[in-house]
Amino acid sequence: MRGNALSPEYAGCDSFTVTEVFTPTRPARVAFVEREEINDRLVNALSTPGRQVVVYGYSGMGKTTLLVNKLHQLYERHITTRCMKGMKFDQLILDAFDQLDPYYTSESSRAIKKQSGAELGASYLLIKAKIAAQETKEHSEKNSRILPPQLTAQTLARLLGEVGACWVIEDFHKVDAAEKQSLAQMMKVFMDMSDDYERLKIIAIGAVDTARQVVDYDPEMRNRIAEIHVPLMDEAERARIIEKGEAALGIRFDSSVKRQIVRHSNGLPSVCHHLCLNMCQGAGITGTIRGHDVVLTASDFERALKDYIAEASDSIKSAFSKALKPKRNERYKHAELIIRALSNLGENGAARLQILRRIRQIEPGYQDASLKSAIVRLLKVENGAVIRYDSSTALYSFSDPIYRAYALATHTGQADGYEIAFEGFDADDVNRTLIRILGELTGKKVAVKHREKAAES
């Protein structure tokens, strides 16, 4: 019965390795979960000639997984450019040009089997030769390729269009604002050339809260660009990741453990994959098991959670160090007040005014204007990005459940131990396990209690 959970393209496969099934650091295939509403919007955008696409949402939401799976269904080929901080748009164009090499230098390429394709093939080889000849020395004595005049936006569009490829640009939010304007202009060129190449398309992926932060385009282009927001995964979707893993590997996760994994992953499919992979590896499962009833239990989950925390310990400390770095002449320790308030408002997060009310229990004179500016800083990578904002729910929450547990432990702790009282949470709240493990790792004694949620004034 569990076999029915597998995607159709894998339903006939008998075995998988565990790293093929649970993939926290690369796009999911075997355990890919369809998200119908987003899928429909993405497929419509990819299928509409001339429509350019911006896919956005926070890191770990499954943007690349969703896109890659749809591209494999709709496009015969695509090329992907991955951005790094400080990357210039000319470098992106050169990277895309380089990836076209197999299609224009191979005799079997369809692009050179007709006259127009042959002409473009000749143009490609000519541009390639000019790029090689124009290598220059910079002041740093490093070789740098410059963009030849012949490699324009129109030329790249024709080269891509002739081989029926679309261009995926990942992490475009990392580049400077001026480069975002260049991408918008490039998208306009691709739109204008869609009469000749209807499958020609740029897909920009960015890990931010609005499409405008990914690409800086003119308002008149709004109706020509599909803005696809990838929100947090709901609990049912995260549970299906586990079910697909069970079907592929022939194992079972205890029902209470499934709930723990789903709750801890807190909307992030990447965390769900990570915990499942840690559990399987900790239990010695390397691939599909048939004929044995293998059940992963609470002890497997706790071991996996310990590994997960240990792997992330340095990055956790670094993130909080950046977030809590004191600012000069501050009347309040804004970051500390916000983190402390949010950690006591439930794992699903809280609205800004809820956070303000909680802060005022400690600092009655604290103003909303101060909160507005301070909380925005905590969303930024340079300040640790310990908090995220979900525009669909207008809630702020910790960007990783571990951050909330760490905040609770460190901000309510004493030198040798601490006691934490949870308000209004279910008895199996996974953060209790997290905090106890954090206590064990730091050598502190932990007492976790439950109390009824206090009425808000």
Protein backbone atom coordinates (compact mmCIF):
# COMPACT_ATOMS: atom_id res chain seq x y z
CA MET A 1 0.00 0.00 0.00
CA ARG A 2 2.86 2.35 0.77
CA GLY A 3 4.15 1.80 -2.77
CA ASN A 4 1.26 3.92 -4.04
CA ALA A 5 2.89 6.93 -2.36
CA LEU A 6 5.76 6.96 -4.88
CA SER A 7 5.70 9.31 -7.86
CA PRO A 8 4.64 7.56 -11.10
CA GLU A 9 8.11 7.75 -12.66
CA TYR A 10 9.56 5.75 -9.73
CA ALA A 11 6.65 3.39 -9.04
CA GLY A 12 8.33 0.54 -10.97
CA CYS A 13 11.72 0.85 -9.25
CA ASP A 14 12.62 -1.87 -6.74
CA SER A 15 15.43 -0.24 -4.81
CA PHE A 16 16.97 3.10 -3.89
CA THR A 17 19.88 4.30 -1.81
CA VAL A 18 18.92 6.32 1.25
CA THR A 19 20.68 9.40 -0.16
CA GLU A 20 18.53 9.16 -3.31
CA VAL A 21 15.40 9.28 -1.18
CA PHE A 22 16.18 11.86 1.51
CA THR A 23 18.01 14.80 -0.05
CA PRO A 24 18.44 17.78 2.32
CA THR A 25 21.06 19.50 0.16
CA ARG A 26 19.81 18.83 -3.38
CA PRO A 27 16.47 18.73 -5.22
CA ALA A 28 14.18 15.88 -4.19
CA ARG A 29 13.14 13.41 -6.87
CA VAL A 30 12.04 10.12 -5.26
CA ALA A 31 10.42 11.88 -2.30
CA PHE A 32 9.22 14.88 -4.31
CA VAL A 33 5.85 16.13 -3.04
CA GLU A 34 3.52 17.87 -5.47
CA ARG A 35 2.15 21.17 -4.19
CA GLU A 36 -0.91 21.51 -6.37
CA GLU A 37 -1.68 25.22 -6.16
CA ILE A 38 1.93 26.30 -6.70
CA ASN A 39 2.46 23.59 -9.35
CA ASP A 40 -0.49 24.85 -11.39
CA ARG A 41 0.74 28.44 -11.30
CA LEU A 42 4.30 27.41 -12.20
CA VAL A 43 3.21 25.11 -15.05
CA ASN A 44 0.95 27.85 -16.46
CA ALA A 45 3.83 30.35 -16.34
CA LEU A 46 6.31 27.94 -17.93
CA SER A 47 3.81 27.04 -20.66
CA THR A 48 2.94 30.64 -21.61
CA PRO A 49 5.14 31.92 -24.47
CA GLY A 50 7.08 35.08 -23.53
CA ARG A 51 6.17 34.91 -19.84
CA GLN A 52 9.26 35.29 -17.68
CA VAL A 53 9.27 33.80 -14.19
CA VAL A 54 10.47 34.84 -10.72
CA VAL A 55 10.32 32.12 -8.05
CA TYR A 56 10.91 33.40 -4.52
CA GLY A 57 10.71 32.30 -0.90
CA TYR A 58 13.03 31.66 2.03
CA SER A 59 15.87 29.15 1.89
CA GLY A 60 14.87 25.52 2.46
CA MET A 61 11.29 25.95 1.19
CA GLY A 62 11.83 23.68 -1.82
CA LYS A 63 11.95 26.30 -4.61
CA THR A 64 14.65 24.54 -6.63
CA THR A 65 13.10 21.09 -6.07
CA LEU A 66 9.74 22.29 -7.32
CA LEU A 67 11.22 24.02 -10.36
CA VAL A 68 13.61 21.24 -11.38
CA ASN A 69 10.86 18.62 -11.29
CA LYS A 70 8.57 20.77 -13.44
CA LEU A 71 11.36 21.59 -15.92
CA HIS A 72 12.10 17.89 -16.40
CA GLN A 73 8.44 17.43 -17.32
CA LEU A 74 8.11 20.46 -19.62
CA TYR A 75 11.54 21.15 -21.15
CA GLU A 76 13.90 18.86 -23.00
CA ARG A 77 16.85 20.92 -21.79
CA HIS A 78 17.65 23.85 -19.56
CA ILE A 79 20.81 25.53 -18.31
CA THR A 80 21.39 26.80 -14.78
CA THR A 81 23.59 29.66 -13.58
CA ARG A 82 24.24 29.89 -9.83
CA CYS A 83 24.94 33.36 -8.48
CA MET A 84 27.47 34.37 -5.88
CA LYS A 85 27.76 37.62 -3.95
CA GLY A 86 29.37 40.33 -6.07
CA MET A 87 28.76 38.54 -9.37
CA LYS A 88 28.32 40.86 -12.37
CA PHE A 89 25.66 40.40 -15.02
CA ASP A 90 28.30 40.03 -17.75
CA GLN A 91 29.60 37.01 -15.84
CA LEU A 92 26.12 35.50 -15.84
CA ILE A 93 25.86 35.91 -19.61
CA LEU A 94 29.28 34.32 -20.12
CA ASP A 95 28.30 31.41 -17.87
CA ALA A 96 25.11 30.81 -19.88
CA PHE A 97 27.11 31.05 -23.11
CA ASP A 98 29.64 28.48 -21.87
CA GLN A 99 26.88 26.00 -21.01
CA LEU A 100 25.62 26.13 -24.60
CA ASP A 101 28.90 24.63 -25.80
CA PRO A 102 27.68 20.99 -26.02
CA TYR A 103 24.77 22.03 -28.24
CA TYR A 104 26.88 24.01 -30.71
CA THR A 105 30.08 21.94 -30.93
CA SER A 106 28.62 18.43 -31.14
CA GLU A 107 27.83 17.10 -34.61
CA SER A 108 24.72 15.41 -33.25
CA SER A 109 23.26 18.69 -32.02
CA ARG A 110 19.96 19.47 -33.71
CA ALA A 111 20.94 23.14 -33.82
CA ILE A 112 23.31 22.61 -36.75
CA LYS A 113 21.01 20.46 -38.89
CA LYS A 114 19.22 23.38 -40.55
CA GLN A 115 20.42 26.57 -42.15
CA SER A 116 19.44 28.98 -39.35
CA GLY A 117 20.94 26.63 -36.80
CA ALA A 118 24.13 26.31 -38.81
CA GLU A 119 24.48 30.09 -38.98
CA LEU A 120 23.99 30.40 -35.24
CA GLY A 121 26.48 27.60 -34.74
CA ALA A 122 29.03 29.54 -36.74
CA SER A 123 28.23 32.70 -34.73
CA TYR A 124 28.68 30.74 -31.51
CA LEU A 125 32.12 29.50 -32.53
CA LEU A 126 33.16 32.99 -33.66
CA ILE A 127 32.11 34.55 -30.34
CA LYS A 128 33.84 31.74 -28.46
CA ALA A 129 37.07 32.48 -30.33
CA LYS A 130 36.80 36.21 -29.60
CA ILE A 131 36.27 35.55 -25.88
CA ALA A 132 39.40 33.38 -25.82
CA ALA A 133 41.38 36.07 -27.63
CA GLN A 134 40.22 38.89 -25.38
CA GLU A 135 41.56 37.56 -22.08
CA THR A 136 43.12 40.46 -20.20
CA LYS A 137 45.17 40.92 -17.09
CA GLU A 138 43.57 42.84 -14.23
CA HIS A 139 45.48 44.77 -11.58
CA SER A 140 45.19 41.72 -9.33
CA GLU A 141 47.12 39.73 -11.99
CA LYS A 142 44.17 37.37 -12.38
CA ASN A 143 42.86 36.46 -15.82
CA SER A 144 39.42 37.86 -16.59
CA ARG A 145 37.22 37.30 -19.63
CA ILE A 146 35.42 40.33 -21.03
CA LEU A 147 32.14 40.29 -22.88
CA PRO A 148 32.68 40.71 -26.64
CA PRO A 149 30.39 43.17 -28.45
CA GLN A 150 28.85 40.30 -30.45
CA LEU A 151 27.51 38.57 -27.32
CA THR A 152 24.44 40.74 -26.78
CA ALA A 153 21.21 39.89 -24.98
CA GLN A 154 19.60 39.27 -28.38
CA THR A 155 22.39 36.90 -29.46
CA LEU A 156 22.22 34.86 -26.24
CA ALA A 157 18.43 34.71 -26.58
CA ARG A 158 18.72 33.36 -30.14
CA LEU A 159 21.34 30.80 -29.10
CA LEU A 160 19.13 29.56 -26.26
CA GLY A 161 15.97 29.68 -28.35
CA GLU A 162 17.46 27.66 -31.20
CA VAL A 163 18.21 24.70 -28.91
CA GLY A 164 14.89 25.02 -27.08
CA ALA A 165 16.48 25.72 -23.69
CA CYS A 166 15.33 27.96 -20.87
CA TRP A 167 17.75 29.78 -18.55
CA VAL A 168 17.48 29.26 -14.80
CA ILE A 169 19.32 31.80 -12.61
CA GLU A 170 19.58 30.64 -8.99
CA ASP A 171 20.10 32.90 -5.95
CA PHE A 172 19.82 36.09 -7.99
CA HIS A 173 19.04 38.01 -4.79
CA LYS A 174 22.77 37.80 -3.99
CA VAL A 175 23.82 40.18 -6.77
CA ASP A 176 23.87 43.97 -6.52
CA ALA A 177 20.88 46.17 -7.36
CA ALA A 178 22.38 47.39 -10.66
CA GLU A 179 22.66 43.80 -11.88
CA LYS A 180 18.98 43.23 -11.05
CA GLN A 181 18.06 46.05 -13.41
CA SER A 182 20.15 44.41 -16.12
CA LEU A 183 18.25 41.15 -15.64
CA ALA A 184 14.95 43.02 -16.00
CA GLN A 185 16.16 44.47 -19.30
CA MET A 186 17.25 41.00 -20.40
CA MET A 187 13.80 39.63 -19.57
CA LYS A 188 12.28 42.33 -21.78
CA VAL A 189 14.47 41.16 -24.67
CA PHE A 190 13.44 37.52 -24.09
CA MET A 191 9.77 38.55 -24.05
CA ASP A 192 10.12 40.47 -27.32
CA MET A 193 11.80 37.49 -29.01
CA SER A 194 9.17 34.97 -27.95
CA ASP A 195 7.48 35.30 -31.38
CA ASP A 196 10.50 33.57 -32.89
CA TYR A 197 11.22 31.24 -29.95
CA GLU A 198 8.08 30.59 -27.92
CA ARG A 199 9.89 28.44 -25.33
CA LEU A 200 12.52 31.12 -24.65
CA LYS A 201 12.39 32.00 -20.97
CA ILE A 202 14.38 33.28 -17.98
CA ILE A 203 13.52 31.85 -14.56
CA ALA A 204 15.08 33.77 -11.67
CA ILE A 205 15.10 32.13 -8.24
CA GLY A 206 15.60 34.21 -5.09
CA ALA A 207 15.41 33.50 -1.37
CA VAL A 208 13.62 36.65 -0.24
CA ASP A 209 10.12 37.77 0.64
CA THR A 210 9.02 39.56 -2.54
CA ALA A 211 9.68 39.13 -6.26
CA ARG A 212 10.71 42.81 -6.41
CA GLN A 213 13.69 41.99 -4.17
CA VAL A 214 14.83 39.38 -6.69
CA VAL A 215 14.42 41.38 -9.90
CA ASP A 216 14.12 45.16 -10.24
CA TYR A 217 11.74 45.55 -13.19
CA ASP A 218 9.51 48.33 -14.51
CA PRO A 219 5.85 48.37 -13.40
CA GLU A 220 4.70 47.92 -17.03
CA MET A 221 6.38 44.49 -17.05
CA ARG A 222 4.33 43.22 -14.12
CA ASN A 223 1.76 41.43 -16.27
CA ARG A 224 4.52 39.79 -18.30
CA ILE A 225 6.36 38.32 -15.34
CA ALA A 226 4.89 35.50 -13.26
CA GLU A 227 5.71 35.96 -9.58
CA ILE A 228 5.62 32.52 -7.93
CA HIS A 229 5.83 32.59 -4.14
CA VAL A 230 6.82 29.28 -2.53
CA PRO A 231 5.46 29.34 1.04
CA LEU A 232 6.19 27.09 3.98
CA MET A 233 5.16 23.46 3.52
CA ASP A 234 2.13 22.52 5.58
CA GLU A 235 2.17 19.52 7.93
CA ALA A 236 0.33 17.21 5.50
CA GLU A 237 2.90 17.93 2.76
CA ARG A 238 5.82 17.27 5.10
CA ALA A 239 4.18 14.02 6.22
CA ARG A 240 4.02 12.93 2.56
CA ILE A 241 7.82 13.31 2.29
CA ILE A 242 8.14 10.71 5.06
CA GLU A 243 5.51 8.43 3.46
CA LYS A 244 7.31 8.51 0.11
CA GLY A 245 10.54 7.66 1.92
CA GLU A 246 8.85 4.72 3.65
CA ALA A 247 7.54 3.44 0.31
CA ALA A 248 10.91 3.76 -1.43
CA LEU A 249 13.00 2.21 1.36
CA GLY A 250 10.53 -0.41 2.66
CA ILE A 251 10.73 0.91 6.25
CA ARG A 252 8.36 2.49 8.75
CA PHE A 253 8.61 5.52 11.00
CA ASP A 254 6.71 5.17 14.26
CA SER A 255 3.58 7.37 14.14
CA SER A 256 4.68 9.50 17.11
CA VAL A 257 8.10 9.97 15.47
CA LYS A 258 6.45 11.14 12.25
CA ARG A 259 4.64 13.84 14.25
CA GLN A 260 7.92 14.88 15.87
CA ILE A 261 9.72 15.17 12.53
CA VAL A 262 6.85 17.08 10.95
CA ARG A 263 6.57 19.51 13.86
CA HIS A 264 10.29 20.08 14.18
CA SER A 265 10.78 20.78 10.47
CA ASN A 266 8.51 23.81 10.96
CA GLY A 267 7.54 24.30 7.32
CA LEU A 268 10.96 23.50 5.84
CA PRO A 269 11.16 20.37 3.65
CA SER A 270 14.97 20.50 3.79
CA VAL A 271 14.90 19.98 7.58
CA CYS A 272 12.41 17.11 7.19
CA HIS A 273 14.75 15.42 4.70
CA HIS A 274 17.75 16.06 6.96
CA LEU A 275 16.20 14.45 10.04
CA CYS A 276 14.92 11.45 8.09
CA LEU A 277 18.35 10.93 6.52
CA ASN A 278 20.07 11.19 9.92
CA MET A 279 17.64 8.64 11.38
CA CYS A 280 18.22 6.15 8.57
CA GLN A 281 22.00 6.50 8.66
CA GLY A 282 22.01 6.23 12.46
CA ALA A 283 20.02 2.99 12.19
CA GLY A 284 22.42 1.59 9.59
CA ILE A 285 19.93 1.82 6.71
CA THR A 286 21.79 2.45 3.46
CA GLY A 287 19.11 1.51 0.95
CA THR A 288 15.84 -0.28 0.29
CA ILE A 289 14.97 -3.14 2.65
CA ARG A 290 12.44 -5.75 1.57
CA GLY A 291 11.03 -8.65 3.59
CA HIS A 292 11.80 -7.16 7.02
CA ASP A 293 9.65 -4.97 9.21
CA VAL A 294 12.08 -2.18 10.12
CA VAL A 295 10.57 0.50 12.36
CA LEU A 296 12.36 3.72 13.32
CA THR A 297 11.50 4.80 16.86
CA ALA A 298 11.85 7.68 19.29
CA SER A 299 15.40 6.68 20.19
CA ASP A 300 16.35 6.90 16.50
CA PHE A 301 14.74 10.34 16.30
CA GLU A 302 16.58 11.61 19.37
CA ARG A 303 19.92 10.38 18.04
CA ALA A 304 19.19 12.06 14.68
CA LEU A 305 18.25 15.29 16.42
CA LYS A 306 21.48 15.25 18.43
CA ASP A 307 23.46 14.81 15.22
CA TYR A 308 21.51 17.62 13.58
CA ILE A 309 22.21 19.98 16.48
CA ALA A 310 25.88 18.99 16.63
CA GLU A 311 26.29 19.63 12.89
CA ALA A 312 24.67 23.05 13.21
CA SER A 313 26.20 24.16 16.53
CA ASP A 314 28.81 26.52 15.08
CA SER A 315 26.37 28.16 12.67
CA ILE A 316 23.82 28.59 15.50
CA LYS A 317 26.35 30.37 17.70
CA SER A 318 27.51 32.50 14.77
CA ALA A 319 23.95 33.51 13.86
CA PHE A 320 23.12 34.57 17.41
CA SER A 321 26.44 36.35 17.81
CA LYS A 322 25.62 38.47 14.75
CA ALA A 323 22.04 39.06 15.88
CA LEU A 324 22.94 40.06 19.43
CA LYS A 325 25.94 42.21 18.59
CA PRO A 326 25.40 45.42 20.60
CA LYS A 327 24.78 48.69 18.78
CA ARG A 328 26.20 51.99 19.99
CA ASN A 329 24.04 54.32 22.06
CA GLU A 330 21.06 51.95 22.17
CA ARG A 331 18.57 52.61 24.93
CA TYR A 332 17.27 49.06 24.63
CA LYS A 333 18.88 45.76 23.69
CA HIS A 334 16.39 45.44 20.82
CA ALA A 335 17.57 42.10 19.41
CA GLU A 336 17.62 40.43 22.81
CA LEU A 337 14.13 41.71 23.66
CA ILE A 338 12.69 40.52 20.33
CA ILE A 339 14.35 37.10 20.47
CA ARG A 340 13.26 36.55 24.05
CA ALA A 341 9.67 37.61 23.33
CA LEU A 342 9.37 35.52 20.16
CA SER A 343 10.82 32.42 21.82
CA ASN A 344 7.93 32.49 24.31
CA LEU A 345 5.16 32.93 21.75
CA GLY A 346 4.91 29.44 20.24
CA GLU A 347 6.77 27.56 17.53
CA ASN A 348 4.52 28.81 14.69
CA GLY A 349 5.51 32.43 15.29
CA ALA A 350 3.61 35.61 16.11
CA ALA A 351 2.40 38.88 14.65
CA ARG A 352 4.38 42.05 15.36
CA LEU A 353 1.84 43.41 17.82
CA GLN A 354 1.92 40.14 19.78
CA ILE A 355 5.68 40.47 20.04
CA LEU A 356 5.28 44.09 21.14
CA ARG A 357 2.85 43.14 23.92
CA ARG A 358 5.26 40.50 25.19
CA ILE A 359 8.20 42.95 25.16
CA ARG A 360 6.14 45.49 27.10
CA GLN A 361 5.76 42.99 29.92
CA ILE A 362 9.48 43.58 30.47
CA GLU A 363 9.87 47.11 29.07
CA PRO A 364 6.52 48.96 29.40
CA GLY A 365 7.76 52.01 27.48
CA TYR A 366 8.94 50.12 24.41
CA GLN A 367 7.57 51.65 21.18
CA ASP A 368 6.23 49.95 18.06
CA ALA A 369 8.42 52.15 15.85
CA SER A 370 11.52 50.73 17.55
CA LEU A 371 10.25 47.20 17.04
CA LYS A 372 9.54 47.79 13.33
CA SER A 373 13.10 48.88 12.56
CA ALA A 374 14.81 46.39 14.88
CA ILE A 375 12.94 43.29 13.70
CA VAL A 376 13.78 44.03 10.05
CA ARG A 377 17.49 43.88 10.96
CA LEU A 378 17.07 40.38 12.38
CA LEU A 379 15.76 39.16 9.00
CA LYS A 380 19.01 40.02 7.24
CA VAL A 381 21.83 37.54 6.63
CA GLU A 382 24.48 39.99 7.87
CA ASN A 383 22.63 40.04 11.22
CA GLY A 384 22.30 36.26 11.48
CA ALA A 385 18.87 35.88 9.81
CA VAL A 386 17.62 34.14 12.96
CA ILE A 387 14.07 35.33 12.23
CA ARG A 388 11.96 35.03 9.08
CA TYR A 389 8.75 36.77 8.00
CA ASP A 390 5.96 34.95 6.18
CA SER A 391 4.04 37.51 4.12
CA SER A 392 1.15 35.08 3.57
CA THR A 393 0.39 34.90 7.31
CA ALA A 394 2.05 38.16 8.48
CA LEU A 395 3.85 36.15 11.18
CA TYR A 396 7.44 36.34 12.38
CA SER A 397 9.08 33.10 13.48
CA PHE A 398 12.52 31.62 14.01
CA SER A 399 14.08 30.58 10.71
CA ASP A 400 15.01 27.20 12.25
CA PRO A 401 13.30 25.46 15.21
CA ILE A 402 16.74 24.97 16.76
CA TYR A 403 17.04 28.76 17.01
CA ARG A 404 13.94 28.92 19.17
CA ALA A 405 15.17 26.16 21.45
CA TYR A 406 18.59 27.81 21.68
CA ALA A 407 16.96 31.14 22.52
CA LEU A 408 14.84 29.57 25.24
CA ALA A 409 17.82 27.76 26.70
CA THR A 410 20.26 30.66 26.66
CA HIS A 411 17.87 33.45 27.63
CA THR A 412 16.25 31.68 30.55
CA GLY A 413 19.29 29.75 31.67
CA GLN A 414 21.46 30.02 34.74
CA ALA A 415 25.15 29.18 35.02
CA ASP A 416 24.59 25.54 35.96
CA GLY A 417 21.05 24.84 34.74
CA TYR A 418 17.65 26.19 33.89
CA GLU A 419 13.92 25.59 34.14
CA ILE A 420 11.61 26.30 31.22
CA ALA A 421 7.84 26.48 31.48
CA PHE A 422 5.92 26.08 28.21
CA GLU A 423 2.61 27.86 27.80
CA GLY A 424 -0.32 26.18 26.08
CA PHE A 425 1.64 23.69 23.97
CA ASP A 426 0.86 20.03 23.35
CA ALA A 427 2.47 17.58 25.73
CA ASP A 428 4.73 16.22 22.97
CA ASP A 429 6.05 19.63 21.89
CA VAL A 430 9.29 18.81 20.11
CA ASN A 431 11.07 21.85 21.51
CA ARG A 432 11.15 20.11 24.90
CA THR A 433 13.31 17.39 23.34
CA LEU A 434 15.46 19.99 21.64
CA ILE A 435 16.06 21.92 24.84
CA ARG A 436 16.85 18.79 26.83
CA ILE A 437 19.41 17.77 24.19
CA LEU A 438 20.92 21.26 24.20
CA GLY A 439 21.21 20.94 27.97
CA GLU A 440 22.99 17.61 27.69
CA LEU A 441 25.41 19.01 25.11
CA THR A 442 26.23 22.00 27.33
CA GLY A 443 26.36 20.00 30.55
CA LYS A 444 23.46 21.85 32.19
CA LYS A 445 20.51 20.46 34.12
CA VAL A 446 17.18 21.08 32.48
CA ALA A 447 13.69 20.99 33.95
CA VAL A 448 10.88 21.39 31.42
CA LYS A 449 7.41 22.09 32.77
CA HIS A 450 4.00 22.87 31.31
CA ARG A 451 1.59 25.58 32.37
CA GLU A 452 -1.73 26.82 31.03
CA LYS A 453 -1.52 29.67 28.58
CA ALA A 454 -2.06 33.00 30.29
CA ALA A 455 -4.84 35.22 28.97
CA GLU A 456 -3.51 38.13 26.91
CA SER A 457 -4.52 41.59 27.96
